[in-house]
Amino acid sequence: MKPYEIIEHTADVGLRAQADSLAEAFSFLAKGMFDLITDESAIDDAHHFSVQLEAHDLEQLLVDWLSELLFLHETNEAVFSRFEIRIDEEAIVLSASVFGEPFDPGKHRLGMQIKAVTYHLLKVSGGPPYEVQVLFDI
């Protein structure tokens, strides 16, 4: 069973996840996003990127996190499957190591093209369990 669920929406697609920690919930949505883009189970941990983000609230941090991953995907033509995240909820700071490899059409199936992370129906609720939800413009 996947650690997230897909939210059906008229012109977009969304994801929802619950977890014992906020970092785990953010990781589940990242995995879900790349499962929409390609089959994330076929991605090796060949390359590493570091991500450092700071925001004014947790909702903005979630949008910035997924947007940064989308930016790394597009600019590096890479796909990711493993996310080691640390979140300081008080300071609203995220530090992450992201692992993946270049997209290879011979190895990775082409799924949805995600254009942007949206604020529509965005949700980050405290916990545990933490619940997070986001919609993507496709």
N, C-alpha and C. Protein backbone atom coordinates (compact mmCIF):
# COMPACT_ATOMS: atom_id res chain seq x y z
N MET A 1 0.84 -1.18 0.00
CA MET A 1 0.00 0.00 0.00
C MET A 1 0.88 1.25 0.00
N LYS A 2 0.51 2.23 -0.80
CA LYS A 2 1.29 3.46 -0.91
C LYS A 2 1.04 4.34 0.31
N PRO A 3 2.05 5.12 0.70
CA PRO A 3 1.90 5.97 1.89
C PRO A 3 1.15 7.27 1.63
N TYR A 4 0.52 7.37 0.48
CA TYR A 4 -0.24 8.56 0.11
C TYR A 4 -1.46 8.12 -0.69
N GLU A 5 -2.41 9.03 -0.83
CA GLU A 5 -3.55 8.74 -1.70
C GLU A 5 -3.68 9.83 -2.74
N ILE A 6 -4.17 9.46 -3.91
CA ILE A 6 -4.37 10.42 -4.99
C ILE A 6 -5.75 11.05 -4.83
N ILE A 7 -5.79 12.38 -4.99
CA ILE A 7 -7.03 13.14 -4.93
C ILE A 7 -7.43 13.47 -6.36
N GLU A 8 -8.60 13.02 -6.75
CA GLU A 8 -9.11 13.34 -8.08
C GLU A 8 -9.67 14.75 -8.07
N HIS A 9 -9.34 15.53 -9.10
CA HIS A 9 -9.82 16.90 -9.22
C HIS A 9 -10.04 17.18 -10.69
N THR A 10 -10.94 18.09 -11.00
CA THR A 10 -11.36 18.33 -12.38
C THR A 10 -10.19 18.47 -13.36
N ALA A 11 -9.32 19.44 -13.16
CA ALA A 11 -8.24 19.68 -14.12
C ALA A 11 -6.86 19.46 -13.52
N ASP A 12 -6.82 19.07 -12.27
CA ASP A 12 -5.56 18.90 -11.57
C ASP A 12 -5.51 17.51 -10.95
N VAL A 13 -4.41 17.22 -10.29
CA VAL A 13 -4.29 15.99 -9.52
C VAL A 13 -3.67 16.36 -8.17
N GLY A 14 -4.09 15.68 -7.14
CA GLY A 14 -3.58 15.99 -5.81
C GLY A 14 -3.14 14.76 -5.07
N LEU A 15 -2.48 15.01 -3.94
CA LEU A 15 -2.02 13.94 -3.07
C LEU A 15 -2.33 14.30 -1.62
N ARG A 16 -2.60 13.28 -0.84
CA ARG A 16 -2.84 13.43 0.59
C ARG A 16 -2.05 12.34 1.30
N ALA A 17 -1.44 12.71 2.45
CA ALA A 17 -0.70 11.72 3.22
C ALA A 17 -0.83 12.01 4.71
N GLN A 18 -0.71 10.95 5.50
CA GLN A 18 -0.65 11.06 6.95
C GLN A 18 0.60 10.35 7.42
N ALA A 19 1.21 10.92 8.49
CA ALA A 19 2.43 10.31 9.02
C ALA A 19 2.60 10.71 10.47
N ASP A 20 3.51 10.01 11.15
CA ASP A 20 3.80 10.30 12.54
C ASP A 20 4.64 11.55 12.73
N SER A 21 5.35 11.96 11.67
CA SER A 21 6.15 13.19 11.75
C SER A 21 5.88 14.03 10.51
N LEU A 22 6.12 15.32 10.64
CA LEU A 22 5.93 16.22 9.51
C LEU A 22 6.92 15.90 8.39
N ALA A 23 8.16 15.59 8.76
CA ALA A 23 9.17 15.24 7.76
C ALA A 23 8.76 14.01 6.96
N GLU A 24 8.21 13.02 7.64
CA GLU A 24 7.75 11.81 6.94
C GLU A 24 6.58 12.13 6.02
N ALA A 25 5.67 12.99 6.45
CA ALA A 25 4.53 13.38 5.61
C ALA A 25 5.01 14.11 4.36
N PHE A 26 5.98 15.03 4.52
CA PHE A 26 6.54 15.74 3.36
C PHE A 26 7.22 14.75 2.42
N SER A 27 7.90 13.76 2.98
CA SER A 27 8.57 12.74 2.17
C SER A 27 7.55 11.92 1.37
N PHE A 28 6.44 11.56 2.01
CA PHE A 28 5.40 10.78 1.32
C PHE A 28 4.85 11.55 0.11
N LEU A 29 4.63 12.87 0.27
CA LEU A 29 4.12 13.65 -0.87
C LEU A 29 5.17 13.77 -1.97
N ALA A 30 6.44 13.87 -1.61
CA ALA A 30 7.50 13.90 -2.62
C ALA A 30 7.54 12.58 -3.39
N LYS A 31 7.45 11.46 -2.67
CA LYS A 31 7.41 10.16 -3.33
C LYS A 31 6.21 10.06 -4.26
N GLY A 32 5.07 10.53 -3.78
CA GLY A 32 3.87 10.50 -4.60
C GLY A 32 4.00 11.35 -5.85
N MET A 33 4.61 12.52 -5.72
CA MET A 33 4.79 13.40 -6.88
C MET A 33 5.64 12.71 -7.94
N PHE A 34 6.72 12.05 -7.52
CA PHE A 34 7.57 11.39 -8.52
C PHE A 34 6.95 10.09 -9.02
N ASP A 35 6.04 9.51 -8.27
CA ASP A 35 5.31 8.35 -8.77
C ASP A 35 4.32 8.80 -9.85
N LEU A 36 3.83 10.03 -9.76
CA LEU A 36 2.99 10.56 -10.83
C LEU A 36 3.82 10.88 -12.08
N ILE A 37 5.03 11.37 -11.87
CA ILE A 37 5.92 11.75 -12.97
C ILE A 37 6.47 10.51 -13.68
N THR A 38 6.84 9.50 -12.89
CA THR A 38 7.40 8.26 -13.42
C THR A 38 7.22 7.17 -12.37
N ASP A 39 7.60 5.97 -12.68
CA ASP A 39 7.50 4.88 -11.72
C ASP A 39 8.68 4.99 -10.77
N GLU A 40 8.45 5.57 -9.57
CA GLU A 40 9.55 5.85 -8.66
C GLU A 40 10.25 4.60 -8.15
N SER A 41 9.64 3.44 -8.26
CA SER A 41 10.31 2.22 -7.79
C SER A 41 11.49 1.84 -8.69
N ALA A 42 11.56 2.38 -9.90
CA ALA A 42 12.64 2.07 -10.83
C ALA A 42 13.79 3.07 -10.75
N ILE A 43 13.77 3.97 -9.77
CA ILE A 43 14.78 5.03 -9.67
C ILE A 43 15.89 4.60 -8.71
N ASP A 44 17.13 4.69 -9.17
CA ASP A 44 18.28 4.38 -8.33
C ASP A 44 18.77 5.64 -7.62
N ASP A 45 19.52 5.45 -6.54
CA ASP A 45 20.06 6.56 -5.74
C ASP A 45 21.44 6.98 -6.24
N ALA A 46 21.60 7.19 -7.52
CA ALA A 46 22.91 7.46 -8.10
C ALA A 46 23.41 8.88 -7.85
N HIS A 47 22.52 9.85 -7.71
CA HIS A 47 22.90 11.25 -7.52
C HIS A 47 22.26 11.81 -6.26
N HIS A 48 22.90 12.84 -5.72
CA HIS A 48 22.45 13.45 -4.47
C HIS A 48 22.36 14.96 -4.64
N PHE A 49 21.30 15.55 -4.13
CA PHE A 49 21.13 16.99 -4.09
C PHE A 49 20.78 17.38 -2.66
N SER A 50 21.23 18.56 -2.24
CA SER A 50 20.87 19.10 -0.94
C SER A 50 19.86 20.22 -1.14
N VAL A 51 18.89 20.27 -0.25
CA VAL A 51 17.85 21.31 -0.31
C VAL A 51 17.77 21.96 1.07
N GLN A 52 17.79 23.29 1.09
CA GLN A 52 17.64 24.08 2.31
C GLN A 52 16.56 25.12 2.05
N LEU A 53 15.51 25.12 2.86
CA LEU A 53 14.41 26.05 2.66
C LEU A 53 13.97 26.64 3.99
N GLU A 54 13.48 27.87 3.92
CA GLU A 54 12.90 28.55 5.07
C GLU A 54 11.64 29.25 4.58
N ALA A 55 10.58 29.22 5.38
CA ALA A 55 9.31 29.82 4.97
C ALA A 55 8.66 30.51 6.16
N HIS A 56 7.58 31.24 5.87
CA HIS A 56 6.87 31.95 6.94
C HIS A 56 5.81 31.09 7.63
N ASP A 57 5.42 29.97 6.99
CA ASP A 57 4.51 29.02 7.64
C ASP A 57 4.69 27.64 7.01
N LEU A 58 4.10 26.64 7.63
CA LEU A 58 4.30 25.26 7.16
C LEU A 58 3.67 25.00 5.80
N GLU A 59 2.57 25.66 5.50
CA GLU A 59 1.95 25.50 4.18
C GLU A 59 2.89 25.99 3.09
N GLN A 60 3.49 27.18 3.31
CA GLN A 60 4.45 27.72 2.35
C GLN A 60 5.67 26.80 2.23
N LEU A 61 6.10 26.23 3.36
CA LEU A 61 7.24 25.31 3.34
C LEU A 61 6.93 24.09 2.47
N LEU A 62 5.72 23.56 2.56
CA LEU A 62 5.33 22.41 1.74
C LEU A 62 5.34 22.77 0.25
N VAL A 63 4.76 23.91 -0.10
CA VAL A 63 4.75 24.35 -1.50
C VAL A 63 6.17 24.57 -2.00
N ASP A 64 7.00 25.23 -1.19
CA ASP A 64 8.38 25.49 -1.59
C ASP A 64 9.16 24.18 -1.76
N TRP A 65 8.94 23.21 -0.87
CA TRP A 65 9.61 21.91 -0.93
C TRP A 65 9.29 21.19 -2.24
N LEU A 66 8.02 21.05 -2.53
CA LEU A 66 7.63 20.33 -3.74
C LEU A 66 8.01 21.12 -5.00
N SER A 67 7.94 22.44 -4.94
CA SER A 67 8.34 23.28 -6.08
C SER A 67 9.84 23.16 -6.34
N GLU A 68 10.63 23.10 -5.27
CA GLU A 68 12.08 22.93 -5.43
C GLU A 68 12.40 21.58 -6.07
N LEU A 69 11.70 20.53 -5.66
CA LEU A 69 11.90 19.22 -6.28
C LEU A 69 11.51 19.23 -7.75
N LEU A 70 10.42 19.92 -8.07
CA LEU A 70 9.99 20.04 -9.46
C LEU A 70 11.05 20.81 -10.27
N PHE A 71 11.61 21.87 -9.68
CA PHE A 71 12.67 22.64 -10.32
C PHE A 71 13.91 21.76 -10.58
N LEU A 72 14.32 21.00 -9.56
CA LEU A 72 15.47 20.10 -9.73
C LEU A 72 15.20 19.05 -10.81
N HIS A 73 13.98 18.55 -10.85
CA HIS A 73 13.58 17.58 -11.87
C HIS A 73 13.72 18.17 -13.27
N GLU A 74 13.21 19.38 -13.44
CA GLU A 74 13.20 19.99 -14.77
C GLU A 74 14.58 20.47 -15.20
N THR A 75 15.33 21.10 -14.31
CA THR A 75 16.63 21.67 -14.70
C THR A 75 17.72 20.63 -14.82
N ASN A 76 17.62 19.53 -14.08
CA ASN A 76 18.63 18.48 -14.13
C ASN A 76 18.17 17.24 -14.88
N GLU A 77 16.94 17.28 -15.40
CA GLU A 77 16.35 16.13 -16.08
C GLU A 77 16.54 14.88 -15.22
N ALA A 78 16.20 15.03 -13.93
CA ALA A 78 16.39 13.96 -12.96
C ALA A 78 15.08 13.57 -12.31
N VAL A 79 15.04 12.35 -11.81
CA VAL A 79 13.90 11.85 -11.04
C VAL A 79 14.43 11.36 -9.70
N PHE A 80 13.60 11.44 -8.68
CA PHE A 80 14.05 11.15 -7.31
C PHE A 80 13.16 10.12 -6.64
N SER A 81 13.78 9.36 -5.73
CA SER A 81 13.02 8.30 -5.05
C SER A 81 13.23 8.26 -3.54
N ARG A 82 14.28 8.93 -3.05
CA ARG A 82 14.54 8.87 -1.61
C ARG A 82 14.78 10.28 -1.09
N PHE A 83 14.15 10.57 0.05
CA PHE A 83 14.17 11.91 0.61
C PHE A 83 14.45 11.82 2.11
N GLU A 84 15.58 12.34 2.54
CA GLU A 84 15.92 12.39 3.96
C GLU A 84 15.71 13.83 4.41
N ILE A 85 14.64 14.04 5.17
CA ILE A 85 14.20 15.39 5.50
C ILE A 85 14.29 15.63 7.00
N ARG A 86 14.72 16.85 7.35
CA ARG A 86 14.66 17.34 8.72
C ARG A 86 13.90 18.65 8.69
N ILE A 87 12.91 18.77 9.57
CA ILE A 87 12.12 20.00 9.64
C ILE A 87 12.16 20.55 11.06
N ASP A 88 12.51 21.81 11.17
CA ASP A 88 12.42 22.54 12.43
C ASP A 88 11.11 23.31 12.35
N GLU A 89 10.08 22.78 13.02
CA GLU A 89 8.75 23.39 12.94
C GLU A 89 8.71 24.77 13.57
N GLU A 90 9.51 24.99 14.59
CA GLU A 90 9.50 26.28 15.27
C GLU A 90 10.10 27.37 14.37
N ALA A 91 11.23 27.09 13.75
CA ALA A 91 11.90 28.05 12.87
C ALA A 91 11.34 28.00 11.45
N ILE A 92 10.56 26.98 11.13
CA ILE A 92 9.99 26.73 9.80
C ILE A 92 11.11 26.62 8.76
N VAL A 93 12.00 25.68 9.03
CA VAL A 93 13.17 25.43 8.18
C VAL A 93 13.20 23.95 7.81
N LEU A 94 13.49 23.68 6.54
CA LEU A 94 13.61 22.32 6.03
C LEU A 94 15.01 22.13 5.49
N SER A 95 15.64 21.03 5.86
CA SER A 95 16.93 20.60 5.29
C SER A 95 16.71 19.18 4.78
N ALA A 96 17.15 18.93 3.56
CA ALA A 96 16.91 17.61 3.00
C ALA A 96 18.05 17.17 2.10
N SER A 97 18.23 15.86 2.04
CA SER A 97 19.07 15.22 1.04
C SER A 97 18.11 14.45 0.13
N VAL A 98 18.29 14.65 -1.16
CA VAL A 98 17.40 14.08 -2.17
C VAL A 98 18.24 13.18 -3.07
N PHE A 99 17.77 11.96 -3.29
CA PHE A 99 18.53 10.98 -4.06
C PHE A 99 17.75 10.53 -5.27
N GLY A 100 18.45 10.40 -6.41
CA GLY A 100 17.80 9.95 -7.63
C GLY A 100 18.81 9.75 -8.74
N GLU A 101 18.32 9.88 -9.97
CA GLU A 101 19.18 9.69 -11.14
C GLU A 101 18.61 10.43 -12.33
N PRO A 102 19.40 10.60 -13.39
CA PRO A 102 18.86 11.23 -14.59
C PRO A 102 17.70 10.41 -15.17
N PHE A 103 16.72 11.11 -15.71
CA PHE A 103 15.59 10.43 -16.35
C PHE A 103 16.10 9.68 -17.57
N ASP A 104 15.73 8.41 -17.69
CA ASP A 104 16.15 7.56 -18.80
C ASP A 104 14.88 6.96 -19.41
N PRO A 105 14.50 7.40 -20.63
CA PRO A 105 13.27 6.89 -21.23
C PRO A 105 13.29 5.38 -21.46
N GLY A 106 14.47 4.77 -21.51
CA GLY A 106 14.56 3.33 -21.65
C GLY A 106 14.29 2.59 -20.35
N LYS A 107 14.40 3.30 -19.24
CA LYS A 107 14.22 2.70 -17.93
C LYS A 107 12.97 3.20 -17.21
N HIS A 108 12.69 4.50 -17.33
CA HIS A 108 11.60 5.13 -16.59
C HIS A 108 10.42 5.40 -17.52
N ARG A 109 9.24 5.03 -17.07
CA ARG A 109 8.06 5.36 -17.86
C ARG A 109 7.75 6.84 -17.70
N LEU A 110 7.18 7.43 -18.72
CA LEU A 110 6.80 8.84 -18.67
C LEU A 110 5.36 8.91 -18.19
N GLY A 111 5.14 9.59 -17.09
CA GLY A 111 3.80 9.73 -16.52
C GLY A 111 3.26 11.12 -16.79
N MET A 112 2.75 11.74 -15.76
CA MET A 112 2.16 13.08 -15.87
C MET A 112 3.25 14.15 -15.91
N GLN A 113 2.95 15.22 -16.62
CA GLN A 113 3.82 16.39 -16.58
C GLN A 113 3.21 17.37 -15.59
N ILE A 114 3.87 17.57 -14.48
CA ILE A 114 3.39 18.50 -13.46
C ILE A 114 3.96 19.87 -13.78
N LYS A 115 3.05 20.84 -13.95
CA LYS A 115 3.47 22.20 -14.29
C LYS A 115 3.81 23.02 -13.05
N ALA A 116 3.02 22.83 -11.99
CA ALA A 116 3.24 23.66 -10.79
C ALA A 116 2.56 23.05 -9.58
N VAL A 117 3.04 23.44 -8.42
CA VAL A 117 2.42 23.11 -7.15
C VAL A 117 1.47 24.26 -6.85
N THR A 118 0.22 23.96 -6.49
CA THR A 118 -0.76 25.03 -6.26
C THR A 118 -1.08 25.18 -4.77
N TYR A 119 -1.77 26.28 -4.48
CA TYR A 119 -2.23 26.54 -3.11
C TYR A 119 -3.67 26.08 -2.92
N HIS A 120 -4.32 25.67 -4.00
CA HIS A 120 -5.72 25.25 -3.93
C HIS A 120 -5.83 23.97 -3.09
N LEU A 121 -6.67 23.99 -2.08
CA LEU A 121 -6.91 22.87 -1.16
C LEU A 121 -5.66 22.44 -0.39
N LEU A 122 -4.66 23.32 -0.31
CA LEU A 122 -3.43 23.04 0.43
C LEU A 122 -3.74 22.86 1.91
N LYS A 123 -3.11 21.85 2.52
CA LYS A 123 -3.37 21.57 3.93
C LYS A 123 -2.13 21.00 4.60
N VAL A 124 -1.80 21.55 5.76
CA VAL A 124 -0.78 20.99 6.65
C VAL A 124 -1.36 21.07 8.05
N SER A 125 -1.71 19.93 8.62
CA SER A 125 -2.27 19.93 9.98
C SER A 125 -1.34 19.20 10.93
N GLY A 126 -1.25 19.75 12.14
CA GLY A 126 -0.36 19.21 13.15
C GLY A 126 -0.80 17.86 13.66
N GLY A 127 0.08 17.23 14.35
CA GLY A 127 -0.22 15.89 14.82
C GLY A 127 0.64 15.54 15.99
N PRO A 128 0.97 14.32 16.17
CA PRO A 128 0.71 13.21 15.26
C PRO A 128 -0.73 12.69 15.35
N PRO A 129 -1.26 12.13 14.30
CA PRO A 129 -0.63 12.07 12.98
C PRO A 129 -0.72 13.43 12.28
N TYR A 130 0.30 13.70 11.48
CA TYR A 130 0.32 14.89 10.64
C TYR A 130 -0.41 14.55 9.35
N GLU A 131 -1.19 15.49 8.85
CA GLU A 131 -1.87 15.31 7.57
C GLU A 131 -1.48 16.44 6.64
N VAL A 132 -1.07 16.08 5.43
CA VAL A 132 -0.68 17.06 4.42
C VAL A 132 -1.42 16.75 3.12
N GLN A 133 -1.70 17.82 2.38
CA GLN A 133 -2.45 17.66 1.13
C GLN A 133 -2.02 18.77 0.18
N VAL A 134 -1.93 18.43 -1.11
CA VAL A 134 -1.53 19.41 -2.12
C VAL A 134 -2.16 19.03 -3.46
N LEU A 135 -2.40 20.05 -4.31
CA LEU A 135 -2.84 19.83 -5.68
C LEU A 135 -1.76 20.32 -6.63
N PHE A 136 -1.61 19.61 -7.74
CA PHE A 136 -0.65 19.97 -8.78
C PHE A 136 -1.40 20.40 -10.03
N ASP A 137 -0.88 21.43 -10.68
CA ASP A 137 -1.39 21.84 -11.99
C ASP A 137 -0.71 20.94 -13.02
N ILE A 138 -1.53 20.21 -13.81
CA ILE A 138 -0.95 19.30 -14.81
C ILE A 138 -1.32 19.74 -16.21
